[in-house]
Amino acid sequence: MKRILNPAIFVIAVITLTLGLQSCNSVRPIDKTRLEGYWILKTLKGEDAKAAFAGTLPYLQFNFAKSLIYGNGGCNEFSGTFILTEKNEFSAPNPAVTMKMCMQANKEPLFFTALTTPNLVLSVDESGLLTFSEDKTIALQFEKGEVPKDAVKADTVNAENLTGVWTLTSIADGDMAALFTGKAPTMEFSADGKVFGNGGCNTYRTTYTLQENTITFGLVISTKMACPNLKGEDLFTGLLAGPLQAKLNGDKLTLLKDGNVVLEFTMGMTE
């Protein structure tokens, strides 16, 4: 005698199985409020961060209002846009990175390689540990910490915090010591949109406009002194052409073009 399955029981079983499969396949978007704050690197590719970095430990912060991520890779500061999907897939492919000469041993290049890997999966566990995973393999882990005084901040650049004298400390594709054998170039912003300075030998003047952290300089007019070497000065003034993105971090001013750092300054005059 054949046993006939009760239709009602069959329907309930199908619904239960369907809901179960949907539950397994669904991904709950991460609560962005859990990503707020200052995150210090705990592990890099499974290695303890304190073993991989002799000096500063890498850290990062999120700015969801502007879709920015910024921080320090262990020596150099970085900032850039990021994407976080509803499936918690994270991508930050082209952050701008400063070009400091790093004296302490660290694995900063490996850190940036891991951070810029496409479609990393973000998660925050019950203990509050932030994890970036690639194909279910942990690439980076961070833990919450307190923001140090020198941490990178996404400060809004304005005429007030630009006003003053800035001295060039680094230049794209150039050796400061070789390019400027006399003095480092300076740049003095005034509140009324004017700029004065020294290019390394000749003095110069120009104007600037500022809109949403983008600086556009006017025509640069300089003196014509007989200088032994104008290569650095010509490179410096040439890099002022076109819109430049500006970033402030305390007494440091960074100018970027197409996401690449081209000029870095510190506030004040140097001897």
C-alpha atoms as a PDB file:
ATOM      1  CA  MET A   1       0.000   0.000   0.000  1.00  0.00           C
ATOM      2  CA  LYS A   2       1.418   3.335  -1.068  1.00  0.00           C
ATOM      3  CA  ARG A   3       1.772   6.118   1.520  1.00  0.00           C
ATOM      4  CA  ILE A   4       0.491   9.495   0.216  1.00  0.00           C
ATOM      5  CA  LEU A   5       2.252  12.640   1.522  1.00  0.00           C
ATOM      6  CA  ASN A   6      -0.128  15.163   3.040  1.00  0.00           C
ATOM      7  CA  PRO A   7      -0.216  18.167   0.639  1.00  0.00           C
ATOM      8  CA  ALA A   8      -0.180  20.663   3.523  1.00  0.00           C
ATOM      9  CA  ILE A   9       2.930  19.091   5.021  1.00  0.00           C
ATOM     10  CA  PHE A  10       4.600  19.113   1.597  1.00  0.00           C
ATOM     11  CA  VAL A  11       3.909  22.835   1.108  1.00  0.00           C
ATOM     12  CA  ILE A  12       5.247  23.660   4.579  1.00  0.00           C
ATOM     13  CA  ALA A  13       8.415  21.656   3.883  1.00  0.00           C
ATOM     14  CA  VAL A  14       9.031  23.489   0.606  1.00  0.00           C
ATOM     15  CA  ILE A  15       8.523  26.905   2.218  1.00  0.00           C
ATOM     16  CA  THR A  16      10.831  26.005   5.101  1.00  0.00           C
ATOM     17  CA  LEU A  17      13.547  24.774   2.729  1.00  0.00           C
ATOM     18  CA  THR A  18      13.235  27.910   0.534  1.00  0.00           C
ATOM     19  CA  LEU A  19      13.482  30.273   3.503  1.00  0.00           C
ATOM     20  CA  GLY A  20      16.439  28.326   4.802  1.00  0.00           C
ATOM     21  CA  LEU A  21      18.282  28.619   1.499  1.00  0.00           C
ATOM     22  CA  GLN A  22      17.521  32.338   1.277  1.00  0.00           C
ATOM     23  CA  SER A  23      18.801  32.825   4.817  1.00  0.00           C
ATOM     24  CA  CYS A  24      22.050  31.033   4.003  1.00  0.00           C
ATOM     25  CA  ASN A  25      22.628  32.967   0.787  1.00  0.00           C
ATOM     26  CA  SER A  26      21.685  36.432   2.055  1.00  0.00           C
ATOM     27  CA  VAL A  27      24.297  38.855   3.351  1.00  0.00           C
ATOM     28  CA  ARG A  28      23.395  41.485   5.886  1.00  0.00           C
ATOM     29  CA  PRO A  29      25.003  44.874   5.080  1.00  0.00           C
ATOM     30  CA  ILE A  30      27.477  45.927   7.756  1.00  0.00           C
ATOM     31  CA  ASP A  31      26.290  48.605  10.172  1.00  0.00           C
ATOM     32  CA  LYS A  32      28.382  51.619   9.136  1.00  0.00           C
ATOM     33  CA  THR A  33      28.269  53.059  12.642  1.00  0.00           C
ATOM     34  CA  ARG A  34      30.423  50.116  13.719  1.00  0.00           C
ATOM     35  CA  LEU A  35      33.121  51.297  11.306  1.00  0.00           C
ATOM     36  CA  GLU A  36      33.342  54.762  12.802  1.00  0.00           C
ATOM     37  CA  GLY A  37      36.444  55.687  14.753  1.00  0.00           C
ATOM     38  CA  TYR A  38      40.146  55.004  14.564  1.00  0.00           C
ATOM     39  CA  TRP A  39      41.406  51.532  13.609  1.00  0.00           C
ATOM     40  CA  ILE A  40      44.919  50.244  14.358  1.00  0.00           C
ATOM     41  CA  LEU A  41      46.370  47.309  12.418  1.00  0.00           C
ATOM     42  CA  LYS A  42      46.479  44.093  14.451  1.00  0.00           C
ATOM     43  CA  THR A  43      47.586  41.521  11.834  1.00  0.00           C
ATOM     44  CA  LEU A  44      48.874  41.659   8.250  1.00  0.00           C
ATOM     45  CA  LYS A  45      48.474  38.440   6.257  1.00  0.00           C
ATOM     46  CA  GLY A  46      48.388  36.554   9.551  1.00  0.00           C
ATOM     47  CA  GLU A  47      51.513  38.224  10.980  1.00  0.00           C
ATOM     48  CA  ASP A  48      51.321  40.286  14.158  1.00  0.00           C
ATOM     49  CA  ALA A  49      51.510  43.965  13.206  1.00  0.00           C
ATOM     50  CA  LYS A  50      54.050  44.710  15.935  1.00  0.00           C
ATOM     51  CA  ALA A  51      56.417  42.196  14.344  1.00  0.00           C
ATOM     52  CA  ALA A  52      55.893  43.601  10.839  1.00  0.00           C
ATOM     53  CA  PHE A  53      56.304  47.289  11.783  1.00  0.00           C
ATOM     54  CA  ALA A  54      59.190  48.556  13.894  1.00  0.00           C
ATOM     55  CA  GLY A  55      57.744  52.061  14.271  1.00  0.00           C
ATOM     56  CA  THR A  56      54.239  53.407  13.767  1.00  0.00           C
ATOM     57  CA  LEU A  57      51.531  50.806  13.298  1.00  0.00           C
ATOM     58  CA  PRO A  58      49.285  51.394  10.266  1.00  0.00           C
ATOM     59  CA  TYR A  59      45.928  52.921  11.028  1.00  0.00           C
ATOM     60  CA  LEU A  60      42.857  54.022   9.095  1.00  0.00           C
ATOM     61  CA  GLN A  61      39.594  55.905   9.408  1.00  0.00           C
ATOM     62  CA  PHE A  62      36.438  56.017   7.283  1.00  0.00           C
ATOM     63  CA  ASN A  63      34.554  59.108   6.145  1.00  0.00           C
ATOM     64  CA  PHE A  64      31.230  57.819   4.835  1.00  0.00           C
ATOM     65  CA  ALA A  65      29.879  61.298   4.082  1.00  0.00           C
ATOM     66  CA  LYS A  66      32.543  61.709   1.366  1.00  0.00           C
ATOM     67  CA  SER A  67      33.342  57.995   0.766  1.00  0.00           C
ATOM     68  CA  LEU A  68      36.948  58.576   1.856  1.00  0.00           C
ATOM     69  CA  ILE A  69      39.396  56.344   3.653  1.00  0.00           C
ATOM     70  CA  TYR A  70      42.557  57.822   5.114  1.00  0.00           C
ATOM     71  CA  GLY A  71      45.338  56.999   7.537  1.00  0.00           C
ATOM     72  CA  ASN A  72      48.979  55.912   7.719  1.00  0.00           C
ATOM     73  CA  GLY A  73      50.675  52.841   6.240  1.00  0.00           C
ATOM     74  CA  GLY A  74      53.378  52.710   8.907  1.00  0.00           C
ATOM     75  CA  CYS A  75      55.352  55.642   7.517  1.00  0.00           C
ATOM     76  CA  ASN A  76      53.465  57.345   4.685  1.00  0.00           C
ATOM     77  CA  GLU A  77      50.040  58.915   4.944  1.00  0.00           C
ATOM     78  CA  PHE A  78      47.330  57.890   2.484  1.00  0.00           C
ATOM     79  CA  SER A  79      43.857  58.975   1.486  1.00  0.00           C
ATOM     80  CA  GLY A  80      41.420  58.108  -1.265  1.00  0.00           C
ATOM     81  CA  THR A  81      37.899  57.160  -2.202  1.00  0.00           C
ATOM     82  CA  PHE A  82      36.415  53.754  -1.466  1.00  0.00           C
ATOM     83  CA  ILE A  83      33.355  51.702  -2.350  1.00  0.00           C
ATOM     84  CA  LEU A  84      31.475  49.469   0.091  1.00  0.00           C
ATOM     85  CA  THR A  85      28.666  47.437  -1.475  1.00  0.00           C
ATOM     86  CA  GLU A  86      25.542  45.967   0.118  1.00  0.00           C
ATOM     87  CA  LYS A  87      27.403  42.638   0.094  1.00  0.00           C
ATOM     88  CA  ASN A  88      30.158  44.211   2.244  1.00  0.00           C
ATOM     89  CA  GLU A  89      32.630  44.130  -0.651  1.00  0.00           C
ATOM     90  CA  PHE A  90      35.250  46.847  -0.171  1.00  0.00           C
ATOM     91  CA  SER A  91      37.473  48.449  -2.833  1.00  0.00           C
ATOM     92  CA  ALA A  92      39.925  51.362  -2.535  1.00  0.00           C
ATOM     93  CA  PRO A  93      41.995  50.957  -5.707  1.00  0.00           C
ATOM     94  CA  ASN A  94      43.890  54.247  -6.022  1.00  0.00           C
ATOM     95  CA  PRO A  95      44.696  55.970  -2.720  1.00  0.00           C
ATOM     96  CA  ALA A  96      47.107  58.898  -2.815  1.00  0.00           C
ATOM     97  CA  VAL A  97      50.223  58.072  -0.790  1.00  0.00           C
ATOM     98  CA  THR A  98      52.941  60.449   0.389  1.00  0.00           C
ATOM     99  CA  MET A  99      56.534  59.669  -0.560  1.00  0.00           C
ATOM    100  CA  LYS A 100      58.572  59.921   2.636  1.00  0.00           C
ATOM    101  CA  MET A 101      61.893  58.189   3.069  1.00  0.00           C
ATOM    102  CA  CYS A 102      61.082  55.579   5.710  1.00  0.00           C
ATOM    103  CA  MET A 103      63.968  54.818   8.045  1.00  0.00           C
ATOM    104  CA  GLN A 104      62.440  52.088  10.219  1.00  0.00           C
ATOM    105  CA  ALA A 105      61.923  48.552   8.940  1.00  0.00           C
ATOM    106  CA  ASN A 106      58.322  47.817   8.045  1.00  0.00           C
ATOM    107  CA  LYS A 107      56.079  46.013   5.558  1.00  0.00           C
ATOM    108  CA  GLU A 108      54.268  49.090   4.300  1.00  0.00           C
ATOM    109  CA  PRO A 109      54.273  47.968   0.628  1.00  0.00           C
ATOM    110  CA  LEU A 110      52.583  44.697   1.610  1.00  0.00           C
ATOM    111  CA  PHE A 111      50.050  46.654   3.674  1.00  0.00           C
ATOM    112  CA  PHE A 112      49.088  48.866   0.722  1.00  0.00           C
ATOM    113  CA  THR A 113      48.935  45.841  -1.592  1.00  0.00           C
ATOM    114  CA  ALA A 114      46.519  44.128   0.790  1.00  0.00           C
ATOM    115  CA  LEU A 115      44.414  47.252   1.356  1.00  0.00           C
ATOM    116  CA  THR A 116      43.983  47.924  -2.385  1.00  0.00           C
ATOM    117  CA  THR A 117      43.025  44.347  -3.281  1.00  0.00           C
ATOM    118  CA  PRO A 118      39.667  44.556  -5.118  1.00  0.00           C
ATOM    119  CA  ASN A 119      36.473  43.240  -3.562  1.00  0.00           C
ATOM    120  CA  LEU A 120      37.750  42.528  -0.079  1.00  0.00           C
ATOM    121  CA  VAL A 121      34.975  41.476   2.290  1.00  0.00           C
ATOM    122  CA  LEU A 122      34.554  43.537   5.451  1.00  0.00           C
ATOM    123  CA  SER A 123      33.262  42.183   8.731  1.00  0.00           C
ATOM    124  CA  VAL A 124      33.220  43.201  12.378  1.00  0.00           C
ATOM    125  CA  ASP A 125      33.002  40.345  14.868  1.00  0.00           C
ATOM    126  CA  GLU A 126      31.406  40.316  18.313  1.00  0.00           C
ATOM    127  CA  SER A 127      34.676  41.387  19.946  1.00  0.00           C
ATOM    128  CA  GLY A 128      34.829  44.455  17.677  1.00  0.00           C
ATOM    129  CA  LEU A 129      37.668  43.222  15.453  1.00  0.00           C
ATOM    130  CA  LEU A 130      37.545  44.636  11.894  1.00  0.00           C
ATOM    131  CA  THR A 131      38.574  42.108   9.239  1.00  0.00           C
ATOM    132  CA  PHE A 132      39.340  42.498   5.512  1.00  0.00           C
ATOM    133  CA  SER A 133      39.150  39.069   3.826  1.00  0.00           C
ATOM    134  CA  GLU A 134      40.104  37.836   0.374  1.00  0.00           C
ATOM    135  CA  ASP A 135      38.519  34.551  -0.700  1.00  0.00           C
ATOM    136  CA  LYS A 136      37.787  33.761   2.964  1.00  0.00           C
ATOM    137  CA  THR A 137      41.480  34.331   3.813  1.00  0.00           C
ATOM    138  CA  ILE A 138      42.154  37.117   6.297  1.00  0.00           C
ATOM    139  CA  ALA A 139      44.284  39.844   4.704  1.00  0.00           C
ATOM    140  CA  LEU A 140      44.046  42.562   7.368  1.00  0.00           C
ATOM    141  CA  GLN A 141      42.698  42.832  10.888  1.00  0.00           C
ATOM    142  CA  PHE A 142      42.234  46.028  12.868  1.00  0.00           C
ATOM    143  CA  GLU A 143      41.220  46.864  16.410  1.00  0.00           C
ATOM    144  CA  LYS A 144      39.762  50.102  17.787  1.00  0.00           C
ATOM    145  CA  GLY A 145      42.178  52.586  19.317  1.00  0.00           C
ATOM    146  CA  GLU A 146      42.489  56.216  20.331  1.00  0.00           C
ATOM    147  CA  VAL A 147      43.310  58.832  17.705  1.00  0.00           C
ATOM    148  CA  PRO A 148      46.870  60.148  18.214  1.00  0.00           C
ATOM    149  CA  LYS A 149      47.573  63.853  17.908  1.00  0.00           C
ATOM    150  CA  ASP A 150      49.391  63.397  14.604  1.00  0.00           C
ATOM    151  CA  ALA A 151      46.769  61.149  12.979  1.00  0.00           C
ATOM    152  CA  VAL A 152      45.679  62.096   9.468  1.00  0.00           C
ATOM    153  CA  LYS A 153      42.422  64.030   9.407  1.00  0.00           C
ATOM    154  CA  ALA A 154      40.251  64.901   6.448  1.00  0.00           C
ATOM    155  CA  ASP A 155      40.420  68.621   7.281  1.00  0.00           C
ATOM    156  CA  THR A 156      38.560  71.006   5.041  1.00  0.00           C
ATOM    157  CA  VAL A 157      41.089  73.299   3.407  1.00  0.00           C
ATOM    158  CA  ASN A 158      40.134  76.969   3.575  1.00  0.00           C
ATOM    159  CA  ALA A 159      41.761  80.383   3.280  1.00  0.00           C
ATOM    160  CA  GLU A 160      42.133  80.618   7.055  1.00  0.00           C
ATOM    161  CA  ASN A 161      44.157  77.425   7.591  1.00  0.00           C
ATOM    162  CA  LEU A 162      46.183  77.999   4.395  1.00  0.00           C
ATOM    163  CA  THR A 163      47.270  81.511   5.379  1.00  0.00           C
ATOM    164  CA  GLY A 164      50.949  81.643   6.277  1.00  0.00           C
ATOM    165  CA  VAL A 165      54.315  80.523   4.925  1.00  0.00           C
ATOM    166  CA  TRP A 166      54.880  76.946   3.799  1.00  0.00           C
ATOM    167  CA  THR A 167      58.264  75.374   2.970  1.00  0.00           C
ATOM    168  CA  LEU A 168      58.595  72.617   0.374  1.00  0.00           C
ATOM    169  CA  THR A 169      59.759  69.265   1.802  1.00  0.00           C
ATOM    170  CA  SER A 170      59.252  66.894  -1.141  1.00  0.00           C
ATOM    171  CA  ILE A 171      58.578  67.086  -4.872  1.00  0.00           C
ATOM    172  CA  ALA A 172      57.344  64.458  -7.325  1.00  0.00           C
ATOM    173  CA  ASP A 173      60.063  62.565  -9.195  1.00  0.00           C
ATOM    174  CA  GLY A 174      62.794  64.690  -7.664  1.00  0.00           C
ATOM    175  CA  ASP A 175      65.575  64.701  -5.100  1.00  0.00           C
ATOM    176  CA  MET A 176      65.201  67.831  -2.968  1.00  0.00           C
ATOM    177  CA  ALA A 177      68.912  67.981  -2.107  1.00  0.00           C
ATOM    178  CA  ALA A 178      69.975  67.735  -5.762  1.00  0.00           C
ATOM    179  CA  LEU A 179      67.318  70.065  -7.163  1.00  0.00           C
ATOM    180  CA  PHE A 180      67.622  72.811  -4.573  1.00  0.00           C
ATOM    181  CA  THR A 181      71.235  73.344  -3.521  1.00  0.00           C
ATOM    182  CA  GLY A 182      70.572  76.769  -2.048  1.00  0.00           C
ATOM    183  CA  LYS A 183      67.206  77.015  -0.339  1.00  0.00           C
ATOM    184  CA  ALA A 184      63.967  75.083  -0.488  1.00  0.00           C
ATOM    185  CA  PRO A 185      61.057  76.793  -2.265  1.00  0.00           C
ATOM    186  CA  THR A 186      58.463  78.553  -0.130  1.00  0.00           C
ATOM    187  CA  MET A 187      54.834  79.470  -0.626  1.00  0.00           C
ATOM    188  CA  GLU A 188      52.978  82.137   1.347  1.00  0.00           C
ATOM    189  CA  PHE A 189      49.195  82.293   1.081  1.00  0.00           C
ATOM    190  CA  SER A 190      47.347  85.468   1.958  1.00  0.00           C
ATOM    191  CA  ALA A 191      43.692  85.613   2.953  1.00  0.00           C
ATOM    192  CA  ASP A 192      42.853  87.759  -0.100  1.00  0.00           C
ATOM    193  CA  GLY A 193      43.791  85.061  -2.632  1.00  0.00           C
ATOM    194  CA  LYS A 194      47.405  86.013  -3.320  1.00  0.00           C
ATOM    195  CA  VAL A 195      50.512  83.837  -3.163  1.00  0.00           C
ATOM    196  CA  PHE A 196      54.142  84.890  -2.761  1.00  0.00           C
ATOM    197  CA  GLY A 197      57.302  82.861  -2.397  1.00  0.00           C
ATOM    198  CA  ASN A 198      60.736  81.821  -3.500  1.00  0.00           C
ATOM    199  CA  GLY A 199      61.246  79.082  -6.067  1.00  0.00           C
ATOM    200  CA  GLY A 200      64.715  78.201  -4.807  1.00  0.00           C
ATOM    201  CA  CYS A 201      66.433  81.249  -6.312  1.00  0.00           C
ATOM    202  CA  ASN A 202      63.911  83.616  -7.880  1.00  0.00           C
ATOM    203  CA  THR A 203      60.982  85.133  -6.052  1.00  0.00           C
ATOM    204  CA  TYR A 204      57.541  84.654  -7.577  1.00  0.00           C
ATOM    205  CA  ARG A 205      53.942  85.680  -7.131  1.00  0.00           C
ATOM    206  CA  THR A 206      50.600  84.379  -8.293  1.00  0.00           C
ATOM    207  CA  THR A 207      46.973  84.112  -7.220  1.00  0.00           C
ATOM    208  CA  TYR A 208      44.828  81.171  -6.181  1.00  0.00           C
ATOM    209  CA  THR A 209      41.213  80.110  -5.988  1.00  0.00           C
ATOM    210  CA  LEU A 210      39.921  77.402  -3.687  1.00  0.00           C
ATOM    211  CA  GLN A 211      36.849  75.223  -4.112  1.00  0.00           C
ATOM    212  CA  GLU A 212      36.134  72.063  -2.095  1.00  0.00           C
ATOM    213  CA  ASN A 213      39.797  71.300  -1.303  1.00  0.00           C
ATOM    214  CA  THR A 214      40.884  72.002  -4.893  1.00  0.00           C
ATOM    215  CA  ILE A 215      43.412  74.801  -5.442  1.00  0.00           C
ATOM    216  CA  THR A 216      43.879  76.457  -8.823  1.00  0.00           C
ATOM    217  CA  PHE A 217      46.843  78.812  -9.170  1.00  0.00           C
ATOM    218  CA  GLY A 218      46.947  81.708 -11.608  1.00  0.00           C
ATOM    219  CA  LEU A 219      49.823  82.698 -13.863  1.00  0.00           C
ATOM    220  CA  VAL A 220      53.153  82.488 -12.001  1.00  0.00           C
ATOM    221  CA  ILE A 221      55.286  85.622 -12.405  1.00  0.00           C
ATOM    222  CA  SER A 222      58.894  85.434 -11.199  1.00  0.00           C
ATOM    223  CA  THR A 223      62.103  87.431 -11.222  1.00  0.00           C
ATOM    224  CA  LYS A 224      64.851  86.556 -13.704  1.00  0.00           C
ATOM    225  CA  MET A 225      67.971  86.255 -11.597  1.00  0.00           C
ATOM    226  CA  ALA A 226      71.028  84.450 -12.986  1.00  0.00           C
ATOM    227  CA  CYS A 227      70.777  81.248 -10.972  1.00  0.00           C
ATOM    228  CA  PRO A 228      73.343  78.435 -11.297  1.00  0.00           C
ATOM    229  CA  ASN A 229      70.622  75.773 -11.479  1.00  0.00           C
ATOM    230  CA  LEU A 230      66.999  76.379 -12.433  1.00  0.00           C
ATOM    231  CA  LYS A 231      65.977  72.759 -12.959  1.00  0.00           C
ATOM    232  CA  GLY A 232      64.335  72.445  -9.535  1.00  0.00           C
ATOM    233  CA  GLU A 233      62.708  75.859  -9.733  1.00  0.00           C
ATOM    234  CA  ASP A 234      61.251  75.159 -13.182  1.00  0.00           C
ATOM    235  CA  LEU A 235      59.909  71.793 -11.984  1.00  0.00           C
ATOM    236  CA  PHE A 236      58.365  73.396  -8.894  1.00  0.00           C
ATOM    237  CA  THR A 237      56.582  76.230 -10.703  1.00  0.00           C
ATOM    238  CA  GLY A 238      55.530  73.877 -13.515  1.00  0.00           C
ATOM    239  CA  LEU A 239      53.734  71.631 -11.039  1.00  0.00           C
ATOM    240  CA  LEU A 240      51.552  74.565  -9.973  1.00  0.00           C
ATOM    241  CA  ALA A 241      49.745  74.479 -13.322  1.00  0.00           C
ATOM    242  CA  GLY A 242      46.224  73.078 -13.373  1.00  0.00           C
ATOM    243  CA  PRO A 243      43.872  72.179 -10.507  1.00  0.00           C
ATOM    244  CA  LEU A 244      45.522  70.527  -7.503  1.00  0.00           C
ATOM    245  CA  GLN A 245      43.805  68.661  -4.708  1.00  0.00           C
ATOM    246  CA  ALA A 246      44.903  69.913  -1.290  1.00  0.00           C
ATOM    247  CA  LYS A 247      45.094  67.957   1.969  1.00  0.00           C
ATOM    248  CA  LEU A 248      45.968  69.333   5.392  1.00  0.00           C
ATOM    249  CA  ASN A 249      47.316  67.297   8.277  1.00  0.00           C
ATOM    250  CA  GLY A 250      48.307  69.606  11.103  1.00  0.00           C
ATOM    251  CA  ASP A 251      51.345  71.574   9.899  1.00  0.00           C
ATOM    252  CA  LYS A 252      51.639  69.547   6.675  1.00  0.00           C
ATOM    253  CA  LEU A 253      50.155  70.570   3.340  1.00  0.00           C
ATOM    254  CA  THR A 254      49.995  68.046   0.501  1.00  0.00           C
ATOM    255  CA  LEU A 255      49.103  68.916  -3.100  1.00  0.00           C
ATOM    256  CA  LEU A 256      47.983  66.128  -5.427  1.00  0.00           C
ATOM    257  CA  LYS A 257      47.327  65.908  -9.156  1.00  0.00           C
ATOM    258  CA  ASP A 258      45.116  63.111 -10.487  1.00  0.00           C
ATOM    259  CA  GLY A 259      45.437  61.356  -7.135  1.00  0.00           C
ATOM    260  CA  ASN A 260      49.257  61.463  -7.105  1.00  0.00           C
ATOM    261  CA  VAL A 261      51.237  63.476  -4.573  1.00  0.00           C
ATOM    262  CA  VAL A 262      53.262  66.159  -6.383  1.00  0.00           C
ATOM    263  CA  LEU A 263      54.259  68.633  -3.649  1.00  0.00           C
ATOM    264  CA  GLU A 264      54.483  68.508   0.133  1.00  0.00           C
ATOM    265  CA  PHE A 265      55.067  71.435   2.495  1.00  0.00           C
ATOM    266  CA  THR A 266      55.463  72.095   6.194  1.00  0.00           C
ATOM    267  CA  MET A 267      54.262  75.262   7.886  1.00  0.00           C
ATOM    268  CA  GLY A 268      56.938  77.855   8.601  1.00  0.00           C
ATOM    269  CA  MET A 269      60.303  78.918   7.232  1.00  0.00           C
ATOM    270  CA  THR A 270      63.408  76.742   7.349  1.00  0.00           C
ATOM    271  CA  GLU A 271      67.005  77.892   7.605  1.00  0.00           C
END
